[in-house]
């Protein structure tokens, strides 16, 4: 079953633009926005299932240079 999740990210100072650029190149990233305060970036992700979501976060997102922390919130389905 397809799932959506909000991803809150902490990035190194001065790296938000670079992280956003790389994040937006990932096809499963529906939206990504830099914000003032914490977290530094909010994202909305789409994945086929929880395993695909975990794989994307671990291998594609957490490996982006400048990403320090991620916090994932799976959207409750109606």
PDB file of N, CA and C in Angstrom:
ATOM      1  N   UNK A   1       0.828  -1.179   0.000  1.00  0.00           N
ATOM      2  CA  UNK A   1       0.000   0.000   0.000  1.00  0.00           C
ATOM      3  C   UNK A   1       0.880   1.252   0.000  1.00  0.00           C
ATOM      4  N   UNK A   2       0.571   2.194  -0.868  1.00  0.00           N
ATOM      5  CA  UNK A   2       1.351   3.424  -0.967  1.00  0.00           C
ATOM      6  C   UNK A   2       1.209   4.241   0.313  1.00  0.00           C
ATOM      7  N   UNK A   3       2.292   4.886   0.697  1.00  0.00           N
ATOM      8  CA  UNK A   3       2.268   5.722   1.898  1.00  0.00           C
ATOM      9  C   UNK A   3       2.903   7.074   1.618  1.00  0.00           C
ATOM     10  N   UNK A   4       2.516   8.048   2.437  1.00  0.00           N
ATOM     11  CA  UNK A   4       3.128   9.375   2.415  1.00  0.00           C
ATOM     12  C   UNK A   4       3.730   9.609   3.790  1.00  0.00           C
ATOM     13  N   UNK A   5       4.771  10.427   3.826  1.00  0.00           N
ATOM     14  CA  UNK A   5       5.388  10.760   5.101  1.00  0.00           C
ATOM     15  C   UNK A   5       5.955  12.173   5.033  1.00  0.00           C
ATOM     16  N   UNK A   6       5.872  12.857   6.164  1.00  0.00           N
ATOM     17  CA  UNK A   6       6.549  14.140   6.308  1.00  0.00           C
ATOM     18  C   UNK A   6       7.930  13.862   6.869  1.00  0.00           C
ATOM     19  N   UNK A   7       8.914  14.547   6.309  1.00  0.00           N
ATOM     20  CA  UNK A   7      10.290  14.379   6.757  1.00  0.00           C
ATOM     21  C   UNK A   7      10.788  15.733   7.242  1.00  0.00           C
ATOM     22  N   UNK A   8      11.204  15.796   8.500  1.00  0.00           N
ATOM     23  CA  UNK A   8      11.762  17.002   9.079  1.00  0.00           C
ATOM     24  C   UNK A   8      13.266  16.792   9.161  1.00  0.00           C
ATOM     25  N   UNK A   9      14.028  17.768   8.677  1.00  0.00           N
ATOM     26  CA  UNK A   9      15.472  17.593   8.573  1.00  0.00           C
ATOM     27  C   UNK A   9      16.238  18.721   9.242  1.00  0.00           C
ATOM     28  N   UNK A  10      17.296  18.336   9.916  1.00  0.00           N
ATOM     29  CA  UNK A  10      18.277  19.290  10.444  1.00  0.00           C
ATOM     30  C   UNK A  10      19.491  19.188   9.528  1.00  0.00           C
ATOM     31  N   UNK A  11      19.970  20.345   9.049  1.00  0.00           N
ATOM     32  CA  UNK A  11      21.142  20.335   8.167  1.00  0.00           C
ATOM     33  C   UNK A  11      22.209  21.268   8.728  1.00  0.00           C
ATOM     34  N   UNK A  12      23.431  21.065   8.267  1.00  0.00           N
ATOM     35  CA  UNK A  12      24.542  21.915   8.707  1.00  0.00           C
ATOM     36  C   UNK A  12      24.296  23.354   8.261  1.00  0.00           C
ATOM     37  N   UNK A  13      24.762  24.285   9.062  1.00  0.00           N
ATOM     38  CA  UNK A  13      24.624  25.702   8.758  1.00  0.00           C
ATOM     39  C   UNK A  13      25.177  26.006   7.368  1.00  0.00           C
ATOM     40  N   UNK A  14      24.389  26.724   6.578  1.00  0.00           N
ATOM     41  CA  UNK A  14      24.813  27.125   5.246  1.00  0.00           C
ATOM     42  C   UNK A  14      24.609  26.078   4.165  1.00  0.00           C
ATOM     43  N   UNK A  15      24.040  24.920   4.489  1.00  0.00           N
ATOM     44  CA  UNK A  15      23.895  23.832   3.521  1.00  0.00           C
ATOM     45  C   UNK A  15      22.461  23.630   3.021  1.00  0.00           C
ATOM     46  N   UNK A  16      21.515  24.435   3.482  1.00  0.00           N
ATOM     47  CA  UNK A  16      20.108  24.217   3.126  1.00  0.00           C
ATOM     48  C   UNK A  16      19.870  24.240   1.618  1.00  0.00           C
ATOM     49  N   UNK A  17      20.428  25.215   0.903  1.00  0.00           N
ATOM     50  CA  UNK A  17      20.203  25.307  -0.539  1.00  0.00           C
ATOM     51  C   UNK A  17      20.725  24.070  -1.261  1.00  0.00           C
ATOM     52  N   UNK A  18      21.913  23.616  -0.887  1.00  0.00           N
ATOM     53  CA  UNK A  18      22.504  22.440  -1.534  1.00  0.00           C
ATOM     54  C   UNK A  18      21.691  21.182  -1.228  1.00  0.00           C
ATOM     55  N   UNK A  19      21.274  21.039   0.018  1.00  0.00           N
ATOM     56  CA  UNK A  19      20.481  19.871   0.415  1.00  0.00           C
ATOM     57  C   UNK A  19      19.140  19.895  -0.312  1.00  0.00           C
ATOM     58  N   UNK A  20      18.489  21.049  -0.370  1.00  0.00           N
ATOM     59  CA  UNK A  20      17.208  21.160  -1.071  1.00  0.00           C
ATOM     60  C   UNK A  20      17.335  20.760  -2.537  1.00  0.00           C
ATOM     61  N   UNK A  21      18.374  21.231  -3.192  1.00  0.00           N
ATOM     62  CA  UNK A  21      18.585  20.899  -4.612  1.00  0.00           C
ATOM     63  C   UNK A  21      18.660  19.389  -4.808  1.00  0.00           C
ATOM     64  N   UNK A  22      19.462  18.724  -4.006  1.00  0.00           N
ATOM     65  CA  UNK A  22      19.619  17.269  -4.133  1.00  0.00           C
ATOM     66  C   UNK A  22      18.359  16.523  -3.704  1.00  0.00           C
ATOM     67  N   UNK A  23      17.690  17.020  -2.691  1.00  0.00           N
ATOM     68  CA  UNK A  23      16.463  16.399  -2.213  1.00  0.00           C
ATOM     69  C   UNK A  23      15.384  16.443  -3.296  1.00  0.00           C
ATOM     70  N   UNK A  24      15.261  17.561  -3.968  1.00  0.00           N
ATOM     71  CA  UNK A  24      14.241  17.731  -5.011  1.00  0.00           C
ATOM     72  C   UNK A  24      14.512  16.892  -6.253  1.00  0.00           C
ATOM     73  N   UNK A  25      15.715  16.373  -6.394  1.00  0.00           N
ATOM     74  CA  UNK A  25      16.039  15.491  -7.520  1.00  0.00           C
ATOM     75  C   UNK A  25      15.574  14.056  -7.288  1.00  0.00           C
ATOM     76  N   UNK A  26      15.178  13.724  -6.076  1.00  0.00           N
ATOM     77  CA  UNK A  26      14.707  12.379  -5.751  1.00  0.00           C
ATOM     78  C   UNK A  26      13.239  12.291  -6.170  1.00  0.00           C
ATOM     79  N   UNK A  27      12.903  11.369  -7.069  1.00  0.00           N
ATOM     80  CA  UNK A  27      11.540  11.303  -7.605  1.00  0.00           C
ATOM     81  C   UNK A  27      10.443  11.146  -6.549  1.00  0.00           C
ATOM     82  N   UNK A  28      10.732  10.481  -5.462  1.00  0.00           N
ATOM     83  CA  UNK A  28       9.716  10.242  -4.431  1.00  0.00           C
ATOM     84  C   UNK A  28       9.459  11.452  -3.537  1.00  0.00           C
ATOM     85  N   UNK A  29      10.253  12.497  -3.690  1.00  0.00           N
ATOM     86  CA  UNK A  29      10.071  13.716  -2.891  1.00  0.00           C
ATOM     87  C   UNK A  29       9.044  14.595  -3.607  1.00  0.00           C
ATOM     88  N   UNK A  30       7.854  14.685  -3.013  1.00  0.00           N
ATOM     89  CA  UNK A  30       6.766  15.467  -3.602  1.00  0.00           C
ATOM     90  C   UNK A  30       6.985  16.961  -3.376  1.00  0.00           C
ATOM     91  N   UNK A  31       7.447  17.318  -2.176  1.00  0.00           N
ATOM     92  CA  UNK A  31       7.711  18.709  -1.829  1.00  0.00           C
ATOM     93  C   UNK A  31       8.896  18.775  -0.878  1.00  0.00           C
ATOM     94  N   UNK A  32       9.619  19.897  -0.939  1.00  0.00           N
ATOM     95  CA  UNK A  32      10.706  20.146   0.016  1.00  0.00           C
ATOM     96  C   UNK A  32      10.863  21.652   0.149  1.00  0.00           C
ATOM     97  N   UNK A  33      10.890  22.116   1.401  1.00  0.00           N
ATOM     98  CA  UNK A  33      10.942  23.551   1.663  1.00  0.00           C
ATOM     99  C   UNK A  33      11.889  23.848   2.820  1.00  0.00           C
ATOM    100  N   UNK A  34      12.714  24.878   2.640  1.00  0.00           N
ATOM    101  CA  UNK A  34      13.549  25.365   3.739  1.00  0.00           C
ATOM    102  C   UNK A  34      12.692  26.270   4.611  1.00  0.00           C
ATOM    103  N   UNK A  35      12.940  26.235   5.913  1.00  0.00           N
ATOM    104  CA  UNK A  35      12.167  27.026   6.874  1.00  0.00           C
ATOM    105  C   UNK A  35      13.116  27.726   7.836  1.00  0.00           C
ATOM    106  N   UNK A  36      12.626  28.798   8.444  1.00  0.00           N
ATOM    107  CA  UNK A  36      13.374  29.437   9.514  1.00  0.00           C
ATOM    108  C   UNK A  36      13.113  28.661  10.793  1.00  0.00           C
ATOM    109  N   UNK A  37      14.106  28.533  11.630  1.00  0.00           N
ATOM    110  CA  UNK A  37      13.945  27.797  12.876  1.00  0.00           C
ATOM    111  C   UNK A  37      14.212  26.312  12.672  1.00  0.00           C
ATOM    112  N   UNK A  38      13.720  25.511  13.599  1.00  0.00           N
ATOM    113  CA  UNK A  38      13.914  24.063  13.543  1.00  0.00           C
ATOM    114  C   UNK A  38      12.604  23.389  13.245  1.00  0.00           C
ATOM    115  N   UNK A  39      12.574  22.435  12.379  1.00  0.00           N
ATOM    116  CA  UNK A  39      13.683  21.910  11.597  1.00  0.00           C
ATOM    117  C   UNK A  39      14.048  22.855  10.454  1.00  0.00           C
ATOM    118  N   UNK A  40      15.154  22.576   9.806  1.00  0.00           N
ATOM    119  CA  UNK A  40      15.628  23.428   8.714  1.00  0.00           C
ATOM    120  C   UNK A  40      14.863  23.190   7.416  1.00  0.00           C
ATOM    121  N   UNK A  41      14.465  21.942   7.188  1.00  0.00           N
ATOM    122  CA  UNK A  41      13.770  21.568   5.952  1.00  0.00           C
ATOM    123  C   UNK A  41      12.599  20.659   6.285  1.00  0.00           C
ATOM    124  N   UNK A  42      11.455  20.938   5.641  1.00  0.00           N
ATOM    125  CA  UNK A  42      10.291  20.061   5.697  1.00  0.00           C
ATOM    126  C   UNK A  42      10.142  19.419   4.321  1.00  0.00           C
ATOM    127  N   UNK A  43       9.855  18.125   4.287  1.00  0.00           N
ATOM    128  CA  UNK A  43       9.627  17.449   3.018  1.00  0.00           C
ATOM    129  C   UNK A  43       8.399  16.564   3.094  1.00  0.00           C
ATOM    130  N   UNK A  44       7.790  16.311   1.937  1.00  0.00           N
ATOM    131  CA  UNK A  44       6.685  15.373   1.831  1.00  0.00           C
ATOM    132  C   UNK A  44       7.119  14.284   0.864  1.00  0.00           C
ATOM    133  N   UNK A  45       7.106  13.050   1.333  1.00  0.00           N
ATOM    134  CA  UNK A  45       7.603  11.912   0.560  1.00  0.00           C
ATOM    135  C   UNK A  45       6.479  10.966   0.187  1.00  0.00           C
ATOM    136  N   UNK A  46       6.648  10.292  -0.944  1.00  0.00           N
ATOM    137  CA  UNK A  46       5.743   9.230  -1.379  1.00  0.00           C
ATOM    138  C   UNK A  46       6.562   7.963  -1.534  1.00  0.00           C
ATOM    139  N   UNK A  47       5.999   6.845  -1.130  1.00  0.00           N
ATOM    140  CA  UNK A  47       6.692   5.558  -1.304  1.00  0.00           C
ATOM    141  C   UNK A  47       5.654   4.466  -1.503  1.00  0.00           C
ATOM    142  N   UNK A  48       6.087   3.370  -2.112  1.00  0.00           N
ATOM    143  CA  UNK A  48       5.182   2.243  -2.357  1.00  0.00           C
ATOM    144  C   UNK A  48       4.751   1.562  -1.062  1.00  0.00           C
ATOM    145  N   UNK A  49       5.659   1.492  -0.090  1.00  0.00           N
ATOM    146  CA  UNK A  49       5.359   0.843   1.185  1.00  0.00           C
ATOM    147  C   UNK A  49       6.390   1.288   2.216  1.00  0.00           C
ATOM    148  N   UNK A  50       6.262   0.778   3.444  1.00  0.00           N
ATOM    149  CA  UNK A  50       7.172   1.217   4.503  1.00  0.00           C
ATOM    150  C   UNK A  50       8.614   0.806   4.257  1.00  0.00           C
ATOM    151  N   UNK A  51       8.814  -0.332   3.629  1.00  0.00           N
ATOM    152  CA  UNK A  51      10.171  -0.778   3.316  1.00  0.00           C
ATOM    153  C   UNK A  51      10.829   0.158   2.297  1.00  0.00           C
ATOM    154  N   UNK A  52      10.086   0.545   1.274  1.00  0.00           N
ATOM    155  CA  UNK A  52      10.614   1.469   0.262  1.00  0.00           C
ATOM    156  C   UNK A  52      10.899   2.840   0.874  1.00  0.00           C
ATOM    157  N   UNK A  53      10.044   3.257   1.798  1.00  0.00           N
ATOM    158  CA  UNK A  53      10.254   4.532   2.483  1.00  0.00           C
ATOM    159  C   UNK A  53      11.550   4.497   3.291  1.00  0.00           C
ATOM    160  N   UNK A  54      11.723   3.449   4.065  1.00  0.00           N
ATOM    161  CA  UNK A  54      12.938   3.319   4.870  1.00  0.00           C
ATOM    162  C   UNK A  54      14.184   3.286   3.991  1.00  0.00           C
ATOM    163  N   UNK A  55      14.121   2.539   2.917  1.00  0.00           N
ATOM    164  CA  UNK A  55      15.267   2.438   2.003  1.00  0.00           C
ATOM    165  C   UNK A  55      15.614   3.803   1.409  1.00  0.00           C
ATOM    166  N   UNK A  56      14.592   4.545   0.991  1.00  0.00           N
ATOM    167  CA  UNK A  56      14.826   5.865   0.417  1.00  0.00           C
ATOM    168  C   UNK A  56      15.480   6.797   1.434  1.00  0.00           C
ATOM    169  N   UNK A  57      14.969   6.808   2.648  1.00  0.00           N
ATOM    170  CA  UNK A  57      15.510   7.708   3.668  1.00  0.00           C
ATOM    171  C   UNK A  57      16.948   7.337   4.017  1.00  0.00           C
ATOM    172  N   UNK A  58      17.207   6.060   4.200  1.00  0.00           N
ATOM    173  CA  UNK A  58      18.539   5.612   4.613  1.00  0.00           C
ATOM    174  C   UNK A  58      19.572   5.762   3.501  1.00  0.00           C
ATOM    175  N   UNK A  59      19.210   5.402   2.267  1.00  0.00           N
ATOM    176  CA  UNK A  59      20.213   5.388   1.201  1.00  0.00           C
ATOM    177  C   UNK A  59      20.262   6.645   0.337  1.00  0.00           C
ATOM    178  N   UNK A  60      19.137   7.349   0.214  1.00  0.00           N
ATOM    179  CA  UNK A  60      19.116   8.521  -0.668  1.00  0.00           C
ATOM    180  C   UNK A  60      19.143   9.847   0.080  1.00  0.00           C
ATOM    181  N   UNK A  61      18.502   9.906   1.235  1.00  0.00           N
ATOM    182  CA  UNK A  61      18.361  11.190   1.920  1.00  0.00           C
ATOM    183  C   UNK A  61      19.411  11.385   3.011  1.00  0.00           C
ATOM    184  N   UNK A  62      19.577  10.413   3.882  1.00  0.00           N
ATOM    185  CA  UNK A  62      20.548  10.576   4.967  1.00  0.00           C
ATOM    186  C   UNK A  62      21.988  10.625   4.470  1.00  0.00           C
ATOM    187  N   UNK A  63      22.226  10.236   3.235  1.00  0.00           N
ATOM    188  CA  UNK A  63      23.578  10.285   2.674  1.00  0.00           C
ATOM    189  C   UNK A  63      23.882  11.610   1.965  1.00  0.00           C
ATOM    190  N   UNK A  64      22.903  12.512   1.882  1.00  0.00           N
ATOM    191  CA  UNK A  64      23.148  13.813   1.263  1.00  0.00           C
ATOM    192  C   UNK A  64      24.108  14.597   2.161  1.00  0.00           C
ATOM    193  N   UNK A  65      25.207  15.116   1.592  1.00  0.00           N
ATOM    194  CA  UNK A  65      26.144  15.894   2.397  1.00  0.00           C
ATOM    195  C   UNK A  65      25.453  17.097   3.047  1.00  0.00           C
ATOM    196  N   UNK A  66      25.628  17.240   4.337  1.00  0.00           N
ATOM    197  CA  UNK A  66      25.030  18.341   5.076  1.00  0.00           C
ATOM    198  C   UNK A  66      23.842  17.923   5.929  1.00  0.00           C
ATOM    199  N   UNK A  67      23.253  16.754   5.640  1.00  0.00           N
ATOM    200  CA  UNK A  67      22.129  16.279   6.445  1.00  0.00           C
ATOM    201  C   UNK A  67      22.669  15.757   7.773  1.00  0.00           C
ATOM    202  N   UNK A  68      22.163  16.309   8.869  1.00  0.00           N
ATOM    203  CA  UNK A  68      22.608  15.887  10.195  1.00  0.00           C
ATOM    204  C   UNK A  68      21.597  14.965  10.874  1.00  0.00           C
ATOM    205  N   UNK A  69      20.306  15.261  10.744  1.00  0.00           N
ATOM    206  CA  UNK A  69      19.266  14.456  11.389  1.00  0.00           C
ATOM    207  C   UNK A  69      18.019  14.441  10.526  1.00  0.00           C
ATOM    208  N   UNK A  70      17.272  13.339  10.595  1.00  0.00           N
ATOM    209  CA  UNK A  70      15.964  13.265   9.962  1.00  0.00           C
ATOM    210  C   UNK A  70      14.956  12.756  10.987  1.00  0.00           C
ATOM    211  N   UNK A  71      13.720  13.202  10.826  1.00  0.00           N
ATOM    212  CA  UNK A  71      12.625  12.786  11.700  1.00  0.00           C
ATOM    213  C   UNK A  71      11.431  12.521  10.789  1.00  0.00           C
ATOM    214  N   UNK A  72      10.977  11.286  10.710  1.00  0.00           N
ATOM    215  CA  UNK A  72       9.940  10.873   9.766  1.00  0.00           C
ATOM    216  C   UNK A  72       8.601  10.695  10.460  1.00  0.00           C
ATOM    217  N   UNK A  73       7.557  11.217   9.819  1.00  0.00           N
ATOM    218  CA  UNK A  73       6.191  11.110  10.339  1.00  0.00           C
ATOM    219  C   UNK A  73       5.286  10.569   9.242  1.00  0.00           C
ATOM    220  N   UNK A  74       4.880   9.316   9.360  1.00  0.00           N
ATOM    221  CA  UNK A  74       4.025   8.695   8.358  1.00  0.00           C
ATOM    222  C   UNK A  74       2.613   9.269   8.489  1.00  0.00           C
ATOM    223  N   UNK A  75       2.030   9.620   7.340  1.00  0.00           N
ATOM    224  CA  UNK A  75       0.689  10.188   7.312  1.00  0.00           C
ATOM    225  C   UNK A  75      -0.334   9.090   7.583  1.00  0.00           C
ATOM    226  N   UNK A  76      -1.276   9.373   8.493  1.00  0.00           N
ATOM    227  CA  UNK A  76      -2.346   8.424   8.786  1.00  0.00           C
ATOM    228  C   UNK A  76      -3.309   8.415   7.591  1.00  0.00           C
ATOM    229  N   UNK A  77      -3.625   7.233   7.104  1.00  0.00           N
ATOM    230  CA  UNK A  77      -4.530   7.105   5.952  1.00  0.00           C
ATOM    231  C   UNK A  77      -5.975   7.236   6.407  1.00  0.00           C
ATOM    232  N   UNK A  78      -6.780   7.902   5.593  1.00  0.00           N
ATOM    233  CA  UNK A  78      -8.220   8.048   5.896  1.00  0.00           C
ATOM    234  C   UNK A  78      -8.955   6.743   5.660  1.00  0.00           C
TER     235      UNK A  78
END
